[in-house]
Amino acid sequence: MLDADEIESLEDFDDALQELESAEDFLVFFKIEYDPRVVQVNRLHILQRFHNYLAAQPMPETLDARFEHYQQLLGQAYLSFVNSSAQQEKVLKIFKRGQPGSGFVSLGAIGGVK
C-alpha cells in the first residue's frame, strides 16, 4: 500500500484508494486520528457516510485539493459516530425503514387468499 506522502499523481491516488480495504485503512491513509472502539462498532456506517458525502460534492481537480477534500469528508464521517450511534445517524438502509409493525400487508395482497 502506498503511503499518502508517496503519491505523485491523481492516478497514484486512485490506485492507492483501490488498495484500501477497511475503515481503519482509510483513516490511517488520510492521517485521521481515531478511537478503535468507535470504528469497530461503526466501520460500515463511517464508510457509507463518507461515500455519501463524496457523491454529493464536486471532485477537486488537483491532487492536493482532492486529498484534502477526501480527508475532510472522511473526518466528518468518522466524527458523526463519535458521539452518536448508527441507529441515530440512519446511514444504512436498514435503519431508514419504518418501525416494526408499521407496515400492513393484507392476506389478499400475498396471493392465494380470496
C-alpha atoms as a PDB file:
ATOM      1  CA  MET A   1       0.000   0.000   0.000  1.00  0.00           C
ATOM      2  CA  LEU A   2       1.318   3.412  -0.939  1.00  0.00           C
ATOM      3  CA  ASP A   3       1.752   5.932   1.832  1.00  0.00           C
ATOM      4  CA  ALA A   4      -0.107   9.186   1.194  1.00  0.00           C
ATOM      5  CA  ASP A   5       3.240  11.007   1.112  1.00  0.00           C
ATOM      6  CA  GLU A   6       4.419   8.844  -1.815  1.00  0.00           C
ATOM      7  CA  ILE A   7       1.566   9.782  -4.140  1.00  0.00           C
ATOM      8  CA  GLU A   8       2.597  11.980  -7.037  1.00  0.00           C
ATOM      9  CA  SER A   9      -0.424  11.967  -9.370  1.00  0.00           C
ATOM     10  CA  LEU A  10      -4.188  11.540  -9.407  1.00  0.00           C
ATOM     11  CA  GLU A  11      -3.617   8.116 -10.958  1.00  0.00           C
ATOM     12  CA  ASP A  12      -1.424   7.134  -7.973  1.00  0.00           C
ATOM     13  CA  PHE A  13      -4.138   8.474  -5.670  1.00  0.00           C
ATOM     14  CA  ASP A  14      -6.838   6.378  -7.361  1.00  0.00           C
ATOM     15  CA  ASP A  15      -4.589   3.301  -7.280  1.00  0.00           C
ATOM     16  CA  ALA A  16      -3.893   3.802  -3.585  1.00  0.00           C
ATOM     17  CA  LEU A  17      -7.614   4.089  -2.834  1.00  0.00           C
ATOM     18  CA  GLN A  18      -8.231   0.785  -4.608  1.00  0.00           C
ATOM     19  CA  GLU A  19      -5.853  -0.915  -2.165  1.00  0.00           C
ATOM     20  CA  LEU A  20      -7.634   0.346   0.964  1.00  0.00           C
ATOM     21  CA  GLU A  21      -9.803  -2.400   2.423  1.00  0.00           C
ATOM     22  CA  SER A  22     -11.111  -1.263   5.800  1.00  0.00           C
ATOM     23  CA  ALA A  23     -12.268   1.861   7.573  1.00  0.00           C
ATOM     24  CA  GLU A  24      -9.033   1.714   9.543  1.00  0.00           C
ATOM     25  CA  ASP A  25      -7.033   1.647   6.291  1.00  0.00           C
ATOM     26  CA  PHE A  26      -8.827   4.782   5.082  1.00  0.00           C
ATOM     27  CA  LEU A  27      -8.371   6.599   8.392  1.00  0.00           C
ATOM     28  CA  VAL A  28      -4.652   5.776   8.534  1.00  0.00           C
ATOM     29  CA  PHE A  29      -4.123   6.686   4.875  1.00  0.00           C
ATOM     30  CA  PHE A  30      -5.811  10.074   5.340  1.00  0.00           C
ATOM     31  CA  LYS A  31      -3.975  10.610   8.637  1.00  0.00           C
ATOM     32  CA  ILE A  32      -7.079  10.883  10.790  1.00  0.00           C
ATOM     33  CA  GLU A  33      -6.690  10.002  14.459  1.00  0.00           C
ATOM     34  CA  TYR A  34      -9.436   7.683  15.605  1.00  0.00           C
ATOM     35  CA  ASP A  35     -10.688   5.648  18.513  1.00  0.00           C
ATOM     36  CA  PRO A  36     -10.605   1.963  17.519  1.00  0.00           C
ATOM     37  CA  ARG A  37     -13.710   1.307  19.660  1.00  0.00           C
ATOM     38  CA  VAL A  38     -15.752   3.787  17.607  1.00  0.00           C
ATOM     39  CA  VAL A  39     -14.538   2.318  14.335  1.00  0.00           C
ATOM     40  CA  GLN A  40     -15.039  -1.283  15.441  1.00  0.00           C
ATOM     41  CA  VAL A  41     -18.747  -0.684  16.008  1.00  0.00           C
ATOM     42  CA  ASN A  42     -19.381   1.740  13.123  1.00  0.00           C
ATOM     43  CA  ARG A  43     -16.947   0.883  10.321  1.00  0.00           C
ATOM     44  CA  LEU A  44     -19.585   0.231   7.636  1.00  0.00           C
ATOM     45  CA  HIS A  45     -21.571   3.277   8.664  1.00  0.00           C
ATOM     46  CA  ILE A  46     -18.492   5.516   8.549  1.00  0.00           C
ATOM     47  CA  LEU A  47     -17.543   4.316   5.067  1.00  0.00           C
ATOM     48  CA  GLN A  48     -21.125   4.666   3.800  1.00  0.00           C
ATOM     49  CA  ARG A  49     -21.381   8.206   5.187  1.00  0.00           C
ATOM     50  CA  PHE A  50     -18.011   9.013   3.562  1.00  0.00           C
ATOM     51  CA  HIS A  51     -19.294   7.630   0.250  1.00  0.00           C
ATOM     52  CA  ASN A  52     -22.496   9.686   0.562  1.00  0.00           C
ATOM     53  CA  TYR A  53     -20.509  12.858   1.237  1.00  0.00           C
ATOM     54  CA  LEU A  54     -18.262  12.213  -1.778  1.00  0.00           C
ATOM     55  CA  ALA A  55     -21.245  11.593  -4.047  1.00  0.00           C
ATOM     56  CA  ALA A  56     -22.799  14.917  -3.047  1.00  0.00           C
ATOM     57  CA  GLN A  57     -19.706  17.060  -3.667  1.00  0.00           C
ATOM     58  CA  PRO A  58     -17.879  18.130  -6.818  1.00  0.00           C
ATOM     59  CA  MET A  59     -14.483  16.478  -7.146  1.00  0.00           C
ATOM     60  CA  PRO A  60     -11.425  18.757  -6.920  1.00  0.00           C
ATOM     61  CA  GLU A  61      -9.125  18.620  -9.951  1.00  0.00           C
ATOM     62  CA  THR A  62      -5.701  18.744  -8.289  1.00  0.00           C
ATOM     63  CA  LEU A  63      -4.028  16.047  -6.207  1.00  0.00           C
ATOM     64  CA  ASP A  64      -3.517  18.166  -3.082  1.00  0.00           C
ATOM     65  CA  ALA A  65      -7.052  19.543  -3.188  1.00  0.00           C
ATOM     66  CA  ARG A  66      -8.532  16.079  -3.730  1.00  0.00           C
ATOM     67  CA  PHE A  67      -6.534  14.577  -0.854  1.00  0.00           C
ATOM     68  CA  GLU A  68      -7.624  17.387   1.493  1.00  0.00           C
ATOM     69  CA  HIS A  69     -11.226  17.054   0.292  1.00  0.00           C
ATOM     70  CA  TYR A  70     -11.291  13.307   0.985  1.00  0.00           C
ATOM     71  CA  GLN A  71      -9.528  13.823   4.309  1.00  0.00           C
ATOM     72  CA  GLN A  72     -12.066  16.418   5.429  1.00  0.00           C
ATOM     73  CA  LEU A  73     -15.088  14.349   4.373  1.00  0.00           C
ATOM     74  CA  LEU A  74     -13.777  11.144   5.966  1.00  0.00           C
ATOM     75  CA  GLY A  75     -13.037  13.070   9.153  1.00  0.00           C
ATOM     76  CA  GLN A  76     -16.597  14.399   9.140  1.00  0.00           C
ATOM     77  CA  ALA A  77     -17.991  10.911   8.544  1.00  0.00           C
ATOM     78  CA  TYR A  78     -15.961   9.490  11.430  1.00  0.00           C
ATOM     79  CA  LEU A  79     -16.916  12.314  13.809  1.00  0.00           C
ATOM     80  CA  SER A  80     -20.603  11.675  13.061  1.00  0.00           C
ATOM     81  CA  PHE A  81     -20.294   8.463  15.037  1.00  0.00           C
ATOM     82  CA  VAL A  82     -18.060   9.600  17.893  1.00  0.00           C
ATOM     83  CA  ASN A  83     -20.968  10.953  19.956  1.00  0.00           C
ATOM     84  CA  SER A  84     -23.824   9.249  18.150  1.00  0.00           C
ATOM     85  CA  SER A  85     -24.927   5.797  17.088  1.00  0.00           C
ATOM     86  CA  ALA A  86     -25.686   4.046  13.842  1.00  0.00           C
ATOM     87  CA  GLN A  87     -29.362   3.961  14.800  1.00  0.00           C
ATOM     88  CA  GLN A  88     -29.423   7.727  15.374  1.00  0.00           C
ATOM     89  CA  GLU A  89     -27.482   8.571  12.212  1.00  0.00           C
ATOM     90  CA  LYS A  90     -29.533   6.237   9.973  1.00  0.00           C
ATOM     91  CA  VAL A  91     -26.884   5.912   7.262  1.00  0.00           C
ATOM     92  CA  LEU A  92     -27.641   2.370   6.142  1.00  0.00           C
ATOM     93  CA  LYS A  93     -30.959   1.457   4.553  1.00  0.00           C
ATOM     94  CA  ILE A  94     -31.884  -0.943   7.344  1.00  0.00           C
ATOM     95  CA  PHE A  95     -32.116   1.965   9.783  1.00  0.00           C
ATOM     96  CA  LYS A  96     -34.306   4.016   7.427  1.00  0.00           C
ATOM     97  CA  ARG A  97     -37.163   1.515   7.436  1.00  0.00           C
ATOM     98  CA  GLY A  98     -40.330   2.152   9.383  1.00  0.00           C
ATOM     99  CA  GLN A  99     -40.824   0.827  12.851  1.00  0.00           C
ATOM    100  CA  PRO A 100     -41.736  -2.872  13.175  1.00  0.00           C
ATOM    101  CA  GLY A 101     -45.451  -3.381  12.767  1.00  0.00           C
ATOM    102  CA  SER A 102     -45.908  -0.072  10.969  1.00  0.00           C
ATOM    103  CA  GLY A 103     -46.495  -1.673   7.587  1.00  0.00           C
ATOM    104  CA  PHE A 104     -49.561  -3.634   6.646  1.00  0.00           C
ATOM    105  CA  VAL A 105     -49.871  -6.303   4.007  1.00  0.00           C
ATOM    106  CA  SER A 106     -53.263  -7.906   3.586  1.00  0.00           C
ATOM    107  CA  LEU A 107     -53.563 -11.640   3.053  1.00  0.00           C
ATOM    108  CA  GLY A 108     -55.152 -10.916  -0.311  1.00  0.00           C
ATOM    109  CA  ALA A 109     -52.065  -8.999  -1.398  1.00  0.00           C
ATOM    110  CA  ILE A 110     -49.885 -12.015  -0.664  1.00  0.00           C
ATOM    111  CA  GLY A 111     -51.841 -14.109  -3.155  1.00  0.00           C
ATOM    112  CA  GLY A 112     -53.743 -17.292  -2.979  1.00  0.00           C
ATOM    113  CA  VAL A 113     -56.176 -15.975  -0.364  1.00  0.00           C
ATOM    114  CA  LYS A 114     -59.504 -14.660  -1.671  1.00  0.00           C
END
